[in-house]
Amino acid sequence: MINSLATHGAFRVIHTADWHLGKTLGDLSREDEHARFLEFLLTTIAQENADLLIIAGDVFDSANPPQSAEKQYFDFLVTLRRTTTCRVLITAGNHDSPSGLDAPKRLLGALEITVVGEAPADPTDAIICYPDSENPALAVAAVPFLRDRDLRTSAADESATDIQHALVAGITARYQEVAAALPPGVAALATGHLTVAGSSTSESEREIHIGGLGAVTAGTFPERFSYVALGHLHRPQSCGEAAHIRYSGSPIPLSFSESKDKKSLRLLEFAQGKLTQSRAIPIPLTRPLIQLKTTRDQIASTLAAFTPPEAPLPAWVELIIEGTLLGEDAFAIASQAAADRPFEVIRVLTTREVPAALSTTASGETAHSHEDDLLQRPAEVFARRLATEPDLLPAERESLETAFRTLLEQHQDSA
C-alpha cells in the first residue's frame, strides 16, 4: 500500500541507525525487542513503498556480535529482499567491525544490499546513485564512522587542542571531498556516524573520539546535501535549526536514560532534485524501561503504587534507592516487593554522596555514586580521579589526558 502522502514519482527512503543487535541490559537479552522492531520495519517498508533503507551505523552492539544477532541481521535482509523491492545501504558505526561488516559485502551486493564498512579512499567510490547511475533520482555519499586513523596521523607531544583540530579538519575535508564527487543536478544525501555539538546524548553512547574531541558542527556538512542521515546518538533529533541534518535515533531504548524517548523512523521523499518530504514514523514500544526513585522505607509502597504502561513485553524497572543500605541485600528486598507486580525489577542502585572533588559531572551537575554506571564510562571515572590531584601542573594534566585518550581509543578499536 502506497502512503496517501506520497509524491507521485518520488524516491522514498527510510533512515534508521543504531540497531545494536546483540545488545544486553546487564545479562538480559534484547533479542525479543529487536525481533518485534524488525517485523515492524518490514511492514512499514512495504506499506510506505520505500525504495531504499539506510542503516547509518551500529548495526551490532559489538565488533564480535553473538551468532543470534548475526542471524537476525541476515534473516531480516533476506526477508526484505524476498518480499519487497526496497534496496539497502548499510554503513559501519563505532560499535561495528568494519572488516566484519565488509566480509559478506559481495554476496549481499548480489541482493542489491550495499555495505560500507571501511571508508573508501577515493571519494568517488563513496557515491552510490539510486535507482542507478544512468537515471539517478538520488545520489548518496556513503560515509561510515571515520576512525582516528582515517582522519589524522598521530605525532609526539600533541595537545588535546591539536588532536581536536586535526579530527574536525579531517571530518570536514571528507565531507567536502564526497560532496565534490556528486553528480550535478541530482538530489544528494550523506550518511554519517559522529557527534554534532549541541545534540542531546544519553548514557548508552560510547564516546566516538575520546573527550568529545571529534564533535563537529552542522556547518561541517556542505549545503549540497539535501539531507544528512546520522547515527550514533540514540535520541531522534535534528541538529539545532538544521532540520535536514538528523539523527534517526535507536529503534529501542538501549538504557534507562532513554526511558522517556519517543523512538521513530524517518521517512524521506526526493523528487525533482530536492528533498520534498521528511516525517517521523513512530516505532511501537515493546518493552518499557522505567526508572523509579525511592527510599529504604518506601520500597514496598513505591513498587505497589507503580503501574507500567501497556506493552507487549513486561516492563523492566531500575530502582534507585537514596542512601546506603548497610548489611541488606537491596536487590532481594526490591525483588520480593515486586514479586506479584506486572513488571520486573532488574537493577537496583543505591546513591550516596561522594567527596566534593568527585561530585560534579562534566556539565557541572551534582553527581551521585552509581558504581555500575561509572564502570561503563571510563572517561568520566578518569576525569573524576584527575580532579582529586589539584597540585598537577597544567602541562602535566594535559599530558595525562592525552595519554588516557590515546589508550582508551586503542582499547575501543580493538574491542
Protein backbone atom coordinates (compact mmCIF):
# COMPACT_ATOMS: atom_id res chain seq x y z
CA MET A 1 0.00 0.00 0.00
CA ILE A 2 1.44 3.37 -1.02
CA ASN A 3 1.02 6.05 1.63
CA SER A 4 -1.51 8.68 0.58
CA LEU A 5 1.02 11.43 1.34
CA ALA A 6 3.47 10.09 -1.22
CA THR A 7 4.52 12.41 -4.01
CA HIS A 8 3.98 10.92 -7.46
CA GLY A 9 7.26 9.61 -8.81
CA ALA A 10 9.21 10.38 -5.62
CA PHE A 11 12.14 8.25 -4.46
CA ARG A 12 11.35 7.12 -0.90
CA VAL A 13 13.98 6.47 1.77
CA ILE A 14 13.71 5.18 5.34
CA HIS A 15 16.52 6.39 7.60
CA THR A 16 17.42 4.22 10.61
CA ALA A 17 20.54 3.76 12.73
CA ASP A 18 21.88 2.30 15.95
CA TRP A 19 20.11 -1.05 15.91
CA HIS A 20 22.71 -2.50 18.31
CA LEU A 21 21.74 -6.11 17.58
CA GLY A 22 23.14 -8.34 20.31
CA LYS A 23 22.68 -5.67 22.97
CA THR A 24 22.06 -6.81 26.53
CA LEU A 25 20.95 -4.95 29.61
CA GLY A 26 23.07 -6.48 32.30
CA ASP A 27 22.80 -10.16 31.38
CA LEU A 28 19.30 -9.82 29.88
CA SER A 29 18.90 -10.23 26.14
CA ARG A 30 17.11 -7.63 24.00
CA GLU A 31 16.51 -10.13 21.18
CA ASP A 32 12.71 -10.20 21.55
CA GLU A 33 12.53 -6.41 21.33
CA HIS A 34 14.75 -6.36 18.27
CA ALA A 35 12.68 -9.09 16.61
CA ARG A 36 9.49 -7.07 17.08
CA PHE A 37 11.17 -3.95 15.72
CA LEU A 38 12.38 -5.79 12.63
CA GLU A 39 8.86 -7.13 12.00
CA PHE A 40 7.52 -3.58 12.29
CA LEU A 41 10.22 -2.30 9.93
CA LEU A 42 9.40 -4.91 7.29
CA THR A 43 5.72 -3.99 7.46
CA THR A 44 6.47 -0.27 7.30
CA ILE A 45 8.77 -0.61 4.29
CA ALA A 46 6.05 -2.49 2.42
CA GLN A 47 3.26 -0.09 3.45
CA GLU A 48 5.27 3.02 2.59
CA ASN A 49 6.55 1.54 -0.68
CA ALA A 50 10.10 2.52 0.32
CA ASP A 51 12.81 2.38 -2.33
CA LEU A 52 15.83 2.43 -0.01
CA LEU A 53 16.54 1.54 3.62
CA ILE A 54 19.55 3.24 5.23
CA ILE A 55 21.20 1.91 8.39
CA ALA A 56 23.62 4.65 9.47
CA GLY A 57 25.95 2.66 11.68
CA ASP A 58 25.99 0.49 14.79
CA VAL A 59 24.14 -2.40 13.23
CA PHE A 60 25.61 -4.52 16.02
CA ASP A 61 26.38 -3.69 19.63
CA SER A 62 29.91 -5.04 19.45
CA ALA A 63 32.63 -5.83 16.94
CA ASN A 64 32.12 -9.54 17.69
CA PRO A 65 28.34 -9.96 17.89
CA PRO A 66 26.75 -13.22 19.05
CA GLN A 67 25.54 -15.64 16.40
CA SER A 68 21.92 -14.90 17.32
CA ALA A 69 22.46 -11.22 16.40
CA GLU A 70 24.08 -12.10 13.08
CA LYS A 71 21.18 -14.45 12.34
CA GLN A 72 18.67 -11.66 13.00
CA TYR A 73 20.62 -9.39 10.66
CA PHE A 74 20.87 -11.82 7.75
CA ASP A 75 17.34 -13.18 8.18
CA PHE A 76 15.95 -9.64 8.05
CA LEU A 77 17.92 -8.71 4.92
CA VAL A 78 16.92 -11.87 3.07
CA THR A 79 13.25 -11.49 4.03
CA LEU A 80 13.27 -7.83 2.99
CA ARG A 81 14.67 -8.60 -0.44
CA ARG A 82 12.29 -11.55 -0.93
CA THR A 83 9.17 -9.61 -0.03
CA THR A 84 9.86 -6.06 -1.27
CA THR A 85 11.80 -4.19 -3.94
CA CYS A 86 13.47 -2.00 -1.33
CA ARG A 87 17.24 -1.79 -1.57
CA VAL A 88 19.53 -1.39 1.43
CA LEU A 89 22.57 0.74 2.30
CA ILE A 90 24.49 -0.16 5.46
CA THR A 91 27.39 1.88 6.82
CA ALA A 92 29.56 0.99 9.82
CA GLY A 93 29.35 2.69 13.20
CA ASN A 94 31.86 2.87 16.02
CA HIS A 95 30.49 -0.32 17.60
CA ASP A 96 30.76 -2.27 14.35
CA SER A 97 33.78 -4.09 12.97
CA PRO A 98 34.40 -2.51 9.53
CA SER A 99 36.03 -5.68 8.23
CA GLY A 100 33.31 -7.83 9.78
CA LEU A 101 30.57 -5.87 8.03
CA ASP A 102 32.51 -5.84 4.76
CA ALA A 103 33.21 -9.59 4.75
CA PRO A 104 29.90 -10.63 3.08
CA LYS A 105 29.52 -7.45 1.00
CA ARG A 106 29.99 -9.19 -2.38
CA LEU A 107 27.33 -11.77 -1.54
CA LEU A 108 24.95 -9.11 -0.20
CA GLY A 109 25.67 -6.99 -3.24
CA ALA A 110 24.01 -9.67 -5.37
CA LEU A 111 20.84 -8.88 -3.40
CA GLU A 112 21.26 -5.12 -4.06
CA ILE A 113 22.39 -4.58 -0.48
CA THR A 114 25.36 -2.21 -0.28
CA VAL A 115 27.71 -2.38 2.73
CA VAL A 116 30.35 0.26 3.52
CA GLY A 117 32.46 -0.83 6.48
CA GLU A 118 35.82 0.74 5.74
CA ALA A 119 35.82 4.34 4.48
CA PRO A 120 36.66 4.38 0.74
CA ALA A 121 39.99 6.03 -0.01
CA ASP A 122 38.66 7.51 -3.26
CA PRO A 123 35.71 9.92 -2.68
CA THR A 124 34.06 8.80 -5.93
CA ASP A 125 33.84 5.24 -4.55
CA ALA A 126 31.62 6.58 -1.75
CA ILE A 127 28.96 7.83 -4.18
CA ILE A 128 26.05 5.48 -4.90
CA CYS A 129 23.28 6.51 -7.29
CA TYR A 130 19.73 5.20 -6.94
CA PRO A 131 17.98 3.62 -8.71
CA ASP A 132 21.05 3.59 -10.98
CA SER A 133 23.75 5.85 -12.36
CA GLU A 134 22.06 6.15 -15.77
CA ASN A 135 18.91 7.79 -14.44
CA PRO A 136 19.59 8.77 -10.82
CA ALA A 137 16.86 10.07 -8.54
CA LEU A 138 19.17 10.24 -5.52
CA ALA A 139 22.95 10.27 -5.04
CA VAL A 140 24.17 9.03 -1.65
CA ALA A 141 27.58 9.79 -0.18
CA ALA A 142 28.03 6.66 1.94
CA VAL A 143 30.33 7.80 4.75
CA PRO A 144 30.78 5.33 7.64
CA PHE A 145 32.21 6.09 11.06
CA LEU A 146 35.57 7.75 10.50
CA ARG A 147 38.11 6.41 12.95
CA ASP A 148 41.05 8.35 14.28
CA ARG A 149 43.37 6.57 11.86
CA ASP A 150 41.17 7.64 8.92
CA LEU A 151 41.47 11.30 9.87
CA ARG A 152 44.94 12.10 11.14
CA THR A 153 48.48 10.89 11.78
CA SER A 154 49.49 10.83 15.44
CA ALA A 155 52.52 12.86 16.45
CA ALA A 156 54.54 13.11 19.64
CA ASP A 157 53.67 15.81 22.16
CA GLU A 158 50.25 16.57 20.64
CA SER A 159 47.94 18.55 22.86
CA ALA A 160 44.21 17.90 23.15
CA THR A 161 43.65 21.05 21.10
CA ASP A 162 45.94 19.75 18.34
CA ILE A 163 44.04 16.46 18.24
CA GLN A 164 40.68 18.21 18.17
CA HIS A 165 41.67 20.46 15.28
CA ALA A 166 43.03 17.53 13.29
CA LEU A 167 39.94 15.38 13.83
CA VAL A 168 37.45 18.11 12.93
CA ALA A 169 39.53 19.18 9.93
CA GLY A 170 39.69 15.57 8.74
CA ILE A 171 35.94 15.03 9.04
CA THR A 172 35.18 18.34 7.32
CA ALA A 173 37.58 17.56 4.48
CA ARG A 174 36.00 14.12 3.94
CA TYR A 175 32.51 15.59 3.52
CA GLN A 176 33.80 18.31 1.20
CA GLU A 177 35.50 15.65 -0.93
CA VAL A 178 32.43 13.45 -1.29
CA ALA A 179 30.23 16.49 -1.98
CA ALA A 180 32.56 17.49 -4.82
CA ALA A 181 32.25 13.97 -6.28
CA LEU A 182 28.44 14.10 -6.52
CA PRO A 183 26.82 14.15 -9.97
CA PRO A 184 25.29 17.57 -10.77
CA GLY A 185 21.57 18.23 -10.66
CA VAL A 186 20.68 15.20 -8.53
CA ALA A 187 19.23 15.24 -5.02
CA ALA A 188 22.02 14.31 -2.60
CA LEU A 189 22.09 12.59 0.79
CA ALA A 190 25.09 11.92 3.04
CA THR A 191 25.37 9.38 5.81
CA GLY A 192 27.49 9.81 8.92
CA HIS A 193 28.18 8.30 12.31
CA LEU A 194 29.52 11.02 14.57
CA THR A 195 28.66 13.66 17.16
CA VAL A 196 27.28 17.05 16.23
CA ALA A 197 27.95 19.54 19.02
CA GLY A 198 24.86 20.64 20.92
CA SER A 199 22.86 17.45 20.26
CA SER A 200 21.15 15.57 23.08
CA THR A 201 23.01 12.49 24.30
CA SER A 202 22.13 9.57 26.56
CA GLU A 203 24.15 7.26 28.83
CA SER A 204 24.29 4.36 26.36
CA GLU A 205 26.50 6.00 23.74
CA ARG A 206 30.20 5.25 23.79
CA GLU A 207 32.38 8.28 23.13
CA ILE A 208 33.42 8.16 19.48
CA HIS A 209 36.52 10.30 19.81
CA ILE A 210 37.67 10.36 23.41
CA GLY A 211 36.76 13.50 25.29
CA GLY A 212 34.38 14.61 22.55
CA LEU A 213 37.32 15.92 20.52
CA GLY A 214 35.75 14.86 17.22
CA ALA A 215 32.46 16.71 17.69
CA VAL A 216 31.59 18.81 14.66
CA THR A 217 29.00 21.49 13.92
CA ALA A 218 26.13 21.42 11.45
CA GLY A 219 28.27 23.66 9.23
CA THR A 220 30.61 20.72 8.62
CA PHE A 221 28.17 19.34 6.04
CA PRO A 222 28.18 21.12 2.65
CA GLU A 223 24.90 22.71 1.50
CA ARG A 224 24.97 20.36 -1.50
CA PHE A 225 23.37 17.69 0.71
CA SER A 226 19.57 17.85 0.84
CA TYR A 227 19.63 15.54 3.87
CA VAL A 228 22.27 14.14 6.22
CA ALA A 229 21.32 10.76 7.73
CA LEU A 230 23.20 10.45 11.02
CA GLY A 231 23.78 7.67 13.51
CA HIS A 232 25.41 7.44 16.94
CA LEU A 233 23.11 9.47 19.21
CA HIS A 234 20.12 7.45 20.32
CA ARG A 235 17.50 10.20 20.61
CA PRO A 236 15.68 11.14 17.38
CA GLN A 237 16.53 14.78 16.73
CA SER A 238 17.58 17.40 14.26
CA CYS A 239 20.84 19.29 14.72
CA GLY A 240 19.68 22.66 16.00
CA GLU A 241 17.97 24.72 13.33
CA ALA A 242 19.34 22.47 10.57
CA ALA A 243 16.22 20.32 10.19
CA HIS A 244 17.72 18.37 7.27
CA ILE A 245 20.61 17.10 9.42
CA ARG A 246 19.10 14.40 11.62
CA TYR A 247 19.71 11.50 13.93
CA SER A 248 17.11 8.80 13.44
CA GLY A 249 17.85 7.50 16.94
CA SER A 250 17.88 3.89 18.09
CA PRO A 251 14.77 1.76 17.47
CA ILE A 252 14.54 0.55 21.07
CA PRO A 253 15.58 2.26 24.32
CA LEU A 254 19.08 0.96 24.96
CA SER A 255 19.45 2.23 28.52
CA PHE A 256 17.27 3.56 31.31
CA SER A 257 18.38 7.08 30.38
CA GLU A 258 16.32 6.65 27.18
CA SER A 259 13.17 5.54 29.02
CA LYS A 260 11.20 8.66 28.05
CA ASP A 261 12.38 8.86 24.43
CA LYS A 262 9.82 8.52 21.64
CA LYS A 263 11.54 6.24 19.12
CA SER A 264 10.88 6.68 15.41
CA LEU A 265 11.98 6.02 11.85
CA ARG A 266 12.47 8.86 9.36
CA LEU A 267 10.68 8.70 6.03
CA LEU A 268 12.16 10.88 3.27
CA GLU A 269 11.00 11.70 -0.23
CA PHE A 270 13.18 13.08 -3.00
CA ALA A 271 11.78 14.47 -6.24
CA GLN A 272 12.93 16.94 -8.90
CA GLY A 273 16.41 17.12 -7.44
CA LYS A 274 15.48 18.00 -3.86
CA LEU A 275 14.07 16.74 -0.57
CA THR A 276 10.29 17.13 -0.75
CA GLN A 277 9.18 15.43 2.46
CA SER A 278 10.66 14.39 5.80
CA ARG A 279 8.49 12.93 8.55
CA ALA A 280 8.72 10.68 11.57
CA ILE A 281 7.11 7.25 11.77
CA PRO A 282 6.69 6.30 15.45
CA ILE A 283 8.07 2.90 16.46
CA PRO A 284 5.77 1.00 18.85
CA LEU A 285 7.28 0.50 22.30
CA THR A 286 7.56 -3.22 23.00
CA ARG A 287 9.19 -3.14 26.43
CA PRO A 288 9.15 -0.07 28.70
CA LEU A 289 12.29 0.76 30.67
CA ILE A 290 11.35 2.59 33.83
CA GLN A 291 13.40 4.41 36.48
CA LEU A 292 11.85 4.71 39.93
CA LYS A 293 13.34 6.58 42.89
CA THR A 294 12.55 5.76 46.48
CA THR A 295 13.98 5.43 50.00
CA ARG A 296 14.62 2.29 52.04
CA ASP A 297 11.39 2.74 53.99
CA GLN A 298 9.27 3.28 50.90
CA ILE A 299 10.48 0.47 48.61
CA ALA A 300 7.34 -1.64 49.03
CA SER A 301 4.89 1.27 48.72
CA THR A 302 6.68 2.73 45.69
CA LEU A 303 6.56 -0.57 43.81
CA ALA A 304 2.98 -1.27 44.87
CA ALA A 305 1.81 2.11 43.57
CA PHE A 306 3.53 1.85 40.19
CA THR A 307 1.58 0.67 37.15
CA PRO A 308 3.67 0.33 33.98
CA PRO A 309 2.42 1.46 30.58
CA GLU A 310 0.82 -1.23 28.45
CA ALA A 311 3.23 -3.02 26.12
CA PRO A 312 3.64 -6.50 24.59
CA LEU A 313 6.58 -7.34 26.87
CA PRO A 314 6.75 -6.76 30.65
CA ALA A 315 8.42 -3.55 31.79
CA TRP A 316 11.90 -3.60 33.26
CA VAL A 317 12.48 -1.34 36.26
CA GLU A 318 15.62 0.27 37.60
CA LEU A 319 15.09 1.19 41.24
CA ILE A 320 17.25 3.96 42.69
CA ILE A 321 17.30 3.95 46.49
CA GLU A 322 18.53 7.08 48.20
CA GLY A 323 21.02 6.42 50.95
CA THR A 324 23.09 3.35 51.79
CA LEU A 325 21.56 0.04 52.90
CA LEU A 326 24.03 -1.26 55.46
CA GLY A 327 24.10 -5.03 55.68
CA GLU A 328 21.00 -5.51 53.49
CA ASP A 329 20.55 -7.00 50.03
CA ALA A 330 18.77 -4.17 48.22
CA PHE A 331 18.05 -6.24 45.12
CA ALA A 332 16.48 -9.08 47.13
CA ILE A 333 14.30 -6.61 49.05
CA ALA A 334 13.09 -4.93 45.84
CA SER A 335 12.51 -8.23 44.03
CA GLN A 336 10.40 -9.58 46.85
CA ALA A 337 8.34 -6.37 46.95
CA ALA A 338 7.71 -6.60 43.19
CA ALA A 339 7.03 -10.35 43.09
CA ASP A 340 3.33 -10.00 42.26
CA ARG A 341 3.56 -6.83 40.17
CA PRO A 342 3.24 -6.73 36.32
CA PHE A 343 6.89 -5.73 35.84
CA GLU A 344 10.35 -6.94 36.77
CA VAL A 345 12.94 -5.09 38.83
CA ILE A 346 16.17 -5.89 37.03
CA ARG A 347 18.52 -3.38 38.61
CA VAL A 348 18.83 -1.68 41.98
CA LEU A 349 21.17 1.23 42.64
CA THR A 350 21.86 2.93 45.93
CA THR A 351 23.04 6.51 46.00
CA ARG A 352 25.39 8.10 48.45
CA GLU A 353 27.10 11.47 48.49
CA VAL A 354 30.61 11.38 47.05
CA PRO A 355 33.61 13.53 48.02
CA ALA A 356 33.45 17.12 46.81
CA ALA A 357 36.28 16.63 44.31
CA LEU A 358 34.27 13.84 42.64
CA SER A 359 30.80 15.34 42.95
CA THR A 360 30.37 17.15 39.64
CA THR A 361 29.92 15.85 36.13
CA ALA A 362 31.41 17.41 33.02
CA SER A 363 28.35 19.65 32.77
CA GLY A 364 28.75 20.82 36.36
CA GLU A 365 25.71 18.94 37.68
CA THR A 366 25.79 17.28 41.09
CA ALA A 367 26.51 13.56 40.77
CA HIS A 368 25.86 10.54 42.95
CA SER A 369 27.90 7.38 43.10
CA HIS A 370 26.32 4.81 40.79
CA GLU A 371 29.22 2.40 40.65
CA ASP A 372 27.72 0.15 37.96
CA ASP A 373 27.12 3.13 35.70
CA LEU A 374 30.62 4.51 36.18
CA LEU A 375 32.19 1.24 35.08
CA GLN A 376 30.61 1.85 31.69
CA ARG A 377 32.04 5.39 31.48
CA PRO A 378 35.83 5.14 31.93
CA ALA A 379 36.44 8.68 30.63
CA GLU A 380 34.26 10.08 33.39
CA VAL A 381 35.99 7.95 36.03
CA PHE A 382 39.37 9.21 34.81
CA ALA A 383 38.20 12.84 34.84
CA ARG A 384 36.92 12.49 38.40
CA ARG A 385 40.15 10.83 39.51
CA LEU A 386 42.18 13.60 37.90
CA ALA A 387 40.08 16.14 39.76
CA THR A 388 41.46 14.79 43.05
CA GLU A 389 45.00 15.91 42.10
CA PRO A 390 44.90 19.71 42.49
CA ASP A 391 48.70 20.00 42.57
CA LEU A 392 49.22 18.85 38.98
CA LEU A 393 50.65 21.48 36.67
CA PRO A 394 48.52 22.32 33.58
CA ALA A 395 51.08 20.71 31.27
CA GLU A 396 51.13 17.54 33.38
CA ARG A 397 47.33 17.38 33.44
CA GLU A 398 47.07 17.80 29.67
CA SER A 399 49.75 15.17 29.09
CA LEU A 400 47.88 12.65 31.24
CA GLU A 401 44.58 13.43 29.49
CA THR A 402 46.14 12.94 26.06
CA ALA A 403 47.75 9.65 27.07
CA PHE A 404 44.46 8.39 28.52
CA ARG A 405 42.52 9.31 25.37
CA THR A 406 45.04 7.50 23.19
CA LEU A 407 44.99 4.33 25.30
CA LEU A 408 41.20 4.24 25.59
CA GLU A 409 40.75 4.79 21.87
CA GLN A 410 43.17 1.94 21.11
CA HIS A 411 41.25 -0.28 23.53
CA GLN A 412 37.88 0.56 21.98
CA ASP A 413 39.19 -0.02 18.45
CA SER A 414 40.37 -3.49 19.46
CA ALA A 415 37.22 -4.37 21.45
